[in-house]
Amino acid sequence: WGIGFAILALQAESLWPVTIAHLLVNGLGFALFTLLPQT
């Protein structure tokens, strides 16, 4: 687990813009998915 976490940290350090963009897209998709049935 320690090694996996280190690899994840290294990947996140080098790919943080992609990770943030991915999280933003997922957040937008989730917000749309949860708000659409209410409208």
PDB file of N, CA and C in Angstrom:
ATOM      1  N   TRP A   1       0.835  -1.200   0.000  1.00  0.00           N
ATOM      2  CA  TRP A   1       0.000   0.000   0.000  1.00  0.00           C
ATOM      3  C   TRP A   1       0.869   1.250   0.000  1.00  0.00           C
ATOM      4  N   GLY A   2       1.989   1.206   0.769  1.00  0.00           N
ATOM      5  CA  GLY A   2       2.886   2.369   0.826  1.00  0.00           C
ATOM      6  C   GLY A   2       3.466   2.685  -0.548  1.00  0.00           C
ATOM      7  N   ILE A   3       3.870   1.613  -1.263  1.00  0.00           N
ATOM      8  CA  ILE A   3       4.441   1.826  -2.595  1.00  0.00           C
ATOM      9  C   ILE A   3       3.375   2.351  -3.551  1.00  0.00           C
ATOM     10  N   GLY A   4       2.171   1.764  -3.470  1.00  0.00           N
ATOM     11  CA  GLY A   4       1.085   2.217  -4.330  1.00  0.00           C
ATOM     12  C   GLY A   4       0.746   3.680  -4.074  1.00  0.00           C
ATOM     13  N   PHE A   5       0.790   4.055  -2.784  1.00  0.00           N
ATOM     14  CA  PHE A   5       0.474   5.442  -2.438  1.00  0.00           C
ATOM     15  C   PHE A   5       1.554   6.381  -2.963  1.00  0.00           C
ATOM     16  N   ALA A   6       2.811   5.940  -2.905  1.00  0.00           N
ATOM     17  CA  ALA A   6       3.919   6.748  -3.421  1.00  0.00           C
ATOM     18  C   ALA A   6       3.784   6.937  -4.929  1.00  0.00           C
ATOM     19  N   ILE A   7       3.418   5.848  -5.618  1.00  0.00           N
ATOM     20  CA  ILE A   7       3.237   5.936  -7.072  1.00  0.00           C
ATOM     21  C   ILE A   7       2.074   6.873  -7.396  1.00  0.00           C
ATOM     22  N   LEU A   8       0.987   6.763  -6.612  1.00  0.00           N
ATOM     23  CA  LEU A   8      -0.159   7.645  -6.822  1.00  0.00           C
ATOM     24  C   LEU A   8       0.241   9.098  -6.602  1.00  0.00           C
ATOM     25  N   ALA A   9       1.038   9.345  -5.561  1.00  0.00           N
ATOM     26  CA  ALA A   9       1.483  10.711  -5.263  1.00  0.00           C
ATOM     27  C   ALA A   9       2.339  11.241  -6.411  1.00  0.00           C
ATOM     28  N   LEU A  10       3.221  10.408  -6.939  1.00  0.00           N
ATOM     29  CA  LEU A  10       4.075  10.846  -8.050  1.00  0.00           C
ATOM     30  C   LEU A  10       3.226  11.127  -9.278  1.00  0.00           C
ATOM     31  N   GLN A  11       2.266  10.262  -9.566  1.00  0.00           N
ATOM     32  CA  GLN A  11       1.403  10.471 -10.731  1.00  0.00           C
ATOM     33  C   GLN A  11       0.567  11.740 -10.549  1.00  0.00           C
ATOM     34  N   ALA A  12       0.048  11.950  -9.341  1.00  0.00           N
ATOM     35  CA  ALA A  12      -0.764  13.138  -9.090  1.00  0.00           C
ATOM     36  C   ALA A  12       0.097  14.393  -9.204  1.00  0.00           C
ATOM     37  N   GLU A  13       1.388  14.280  -8.808  1.00  0.00           N
ATOM     38  CA  GLU A  13       2.262  15.455  -8.857  1.00  0.00           C
ATOM     39  C   GLU A  13       2.556  15.843 -10.303  1.00  0.00           C
ATOM     40  N   SER A  14       2.653  14.837 -11.177  1.00  0.00           N
ATOM     41  CA  SER A  14       2.996  15.131 -12.569  1.00  0.00           C
ATOM     42  C   SER A  14       1.744  15.364 -13.416  1.00  0.00           C
ATOM     43  N   LEU A  15       0.621  14.836 -12.963  1.00  0.00           N
ATOM     44  CA  LEU A  15      -0.609  14.944 -13.762  1.00  0.00           C
ATOM     45  C   LEU A  15      -1.696  15.735 -13.044  1.00  0.00           C
ATOM     46  N   TRP A  16      -1.283  16.603 -12.112  1.00  0.00           N
ATOM     47  CA  TRP A  16      -2.318  17.293 -11.330  1.00  0.00           C
ATOM     48  C   TRP A  16      -3.268  18.134 -12.175  1.00  0.00           C
ATOM     49  N   PRO A  17      -2.830  18.778 -13.270  1.00  0.00           N
ATOM     50  CA  PRO A  17      -3.822  19.521 -14.066  1.00  0.00           C
ATOM     51  C   PRO A  17      -4.869  18.583 -14.687  1.00  0.00           C
ATOM     52  N   VAL A  18      -4.427  17.415 -15.132  1.00  0.00           N
ATOM     53  CA  VAL A  18      -5.367  16.455 -15.712  1.00  0.00           C
ATOM     54  C   VAL A  18      -6.309  15.936 -14.637  1.00  0.00           C
ATOM     55  N   THR A  19      -5.748  15.688 -13.440  1.00  0.00           N
ATOM     56  CA  THR A  19      -6.567  15.165 -12.344  1.00  0.00           C
ATOM     57  C   THR A  19      -7.623  16.192 -11.933  1.00  0.00           C
ATOM     58  N   ILE A  20      -7.205  17.460 -11.820  1.00  0.00           N
ATOM     59  CA  ILE A  20      -8.151  18.510 -11.420  1.00  0.00           C
ATOM     60  C   ILE A  20      -9.233  18.669 -12.495  1.00  0.00           C
ATOM     61  N   ALA A  21      -8.824  18.636 -13.755  1.00  0.00           N
ATOM     62  CA  ALA A  21      -9.801  18.758 -14.840  1.00  0.00           C
ATOM     63  C   ALA A  21     -10.772  17.583 -14.805  1.00  0.00           C
ATOM     64  N   HIS A  22     -10.237  16.383 -14.539  1.00  0.00           N
ATOM     65  CA  HIS A  22     -11.089  15.200 -14.476  1.00  0.00           C
ATOM     66  C   HIS A  22     -12.089  15.318 -13.331  1.00  0.00           C
ATOM     67  N   LEU A  23     -11.606  15.815 -12.181  1.00  0.00           N
ATOM     68  CA  LEU A  23     -12.501  15.967 -11.029  1.00  0.00           C
ATOM     69  C   LEU A  23     -13.557  17.031 -11.312  1.00  0.00           C
ATOM     70  N   LEU A  24     -13.160  18.100 -11.994  1.00  0.00           N
ATOM     71  CA  LEU A  24     -14.125  19.159 -12.316  1.00  0.00           C
ATOM     72  C   LEU A  24     -15.199  18.634 -13.263  1.00  0.00           C
ATOM     73  N   VAL A  25     -14.778  17.877 -14.267  1.00  0.00           N
ATOM     74  CA  VAL A  25     -15.754  17.319 -15.220  1.00  0.00           C
ATOM     75  C   VAL A  25     -16.688  16.351 -14.500  1.00  0.00           C
ATOM     76  N   ASN A  26     -16.118  15.520 -13.616  1.00  0.00           N
ATOM     77  CA  ASN A  26     -16.952  14.571 -12.872  1.00  0.00           C
ATOM     78  C   ASN A  26     -17.926  15.327 -11.971  1.00  0.00           C
ATOM     79  N   GLY A  27     -17.449  16.405 -11.340  1.00  0.00           N
ATOM     80  CA  GLY A  27     -18.311  17.198 -10.466  1.00  0.00           C
ATOM     81  C   GLY A  27     -19.444  17.844 -11.250  1.00  0.00           C
ATOM     82  N   LEU A  28     -19.114  18.376 -12.427  1.00  0.00           N
ATOM     83  CA  LEU A  28     -20.151  18.989 -13.257  1.00  0.00           C
ATOM     84  C   LEU A  28     -21.166  17.944 -13.698  1.00  0.00           C
ATOM     85  N   GLY A  29     -20.678  16.788 -14.117  1.00  0.00           N
ATOM     86  CA  GLY A  29     -21.578  15.723 -14.545  1.00  0.00           C
ATOM     87  C   GLY A  29     -22.476  15.277 -13.404  1.00  0.00           C
ATOM     88  N   PHE A  30     -21.892  15.149 -12.205  1.00  0.00           N
ATOM     89  CA  PHE A  30     -22.682  14.724 -11.055  1.00  0.00           C
ATOM     90  C   PHE A  30     -23.710  15.785 -10.685  1.00  0.00           C
ATOM     91  N   ALA A  31     -23.313  17.059 -10.753  1.00  0.00           N
ATOM     92  CA  ALA A  31     -24.247  18.142 -10.433  1.00  0.00           C
ATOM     93  C   ALA A  31     -25.404  18.155 -11.434  1.00  0.00           C
ATOM     94  N   LEU A  32     -25.080  18.018 -12.701  1.00  0.00           N
ATOM     95  CA  LEU A  32     -26.134  17.992 -13.715  1.00  0.00           C
ATOM     96  C   LEU A  32     -27.045  16.788 -13.513  1.00  0.00           C
ATOM     97  N   PHE A  33     -26.445  15.634 -13.203  1.00  0.00           N
ATOM     98  CA  PHE A  33     -27.226  14.415 -13.038  1.00  0.00           C
ATOM     99  C   PHE A  33     -28.156  14.515 -11.842  1.00  0.00           C
ATOM    100  N   THR A  34     -27.713  15.224 -10.786  1.00  0.00           N
ATOM    101  CA  THR A  34     -28.546  15.317  -9.586  1.00  0.00           C
ATOM    102  C   THR A  34     -29.559  16.452  -9.701  1.00  0.00           C
ATOM    103  N   LEU A  35     -29.229  17.500 -10.459  1.00  0.00           N
ATOM    104  CA  LEU A  35     -30.138  18.642 -10.544  1.00  0.00           C
ATOM    105  C   LEU A  35     -31.184  18.469 -11.643  1.00  0.00           C
ATOM    106  N   LEU A  36     -30.876  17.692 -12.654  1.00  0.00           N
ATOM    107  CA  LEU A  36     -31.807  17.563 -13.779  1.00  0.00           C
ATOM    108  C   LEU A  36     -33.166  17.022 -13.371  1.00  0.00           C
ATOM    109  N   PRO A  37     -33.262  15.944 -12.577  1.00  0.00           N
ATOM    110  CA  PRO A  37     -34.593  15.425 -12.238  1.00  0.00           C
ATOM    111  C   PRO A  37     -35.432  16.418 -11.425  1.00  0.00           C
ATOM    112  N   GLN A  38     -34.783  17.368 -10.759  1.00  0.00           N
ATOM    113  CA  GLN A  38     -35.531  18.302  -9.917  1.00  0.00           C
ATOM    114  C   GLN A  38     -36.169  19.414 -10.739  1.00  0.00           C
ATOM    115  N   THR A  39     -35.604  19.701 -11.912  1.00  0.00           N
ATOM    116  CA  THR A  39     -36.126  20.806 -12.714  1.00  0.00           C
ATOM    117  C   THR A  39     -37.343  20.364 -13.502  1.00  0.00           C
TER     118      THR A  39
END
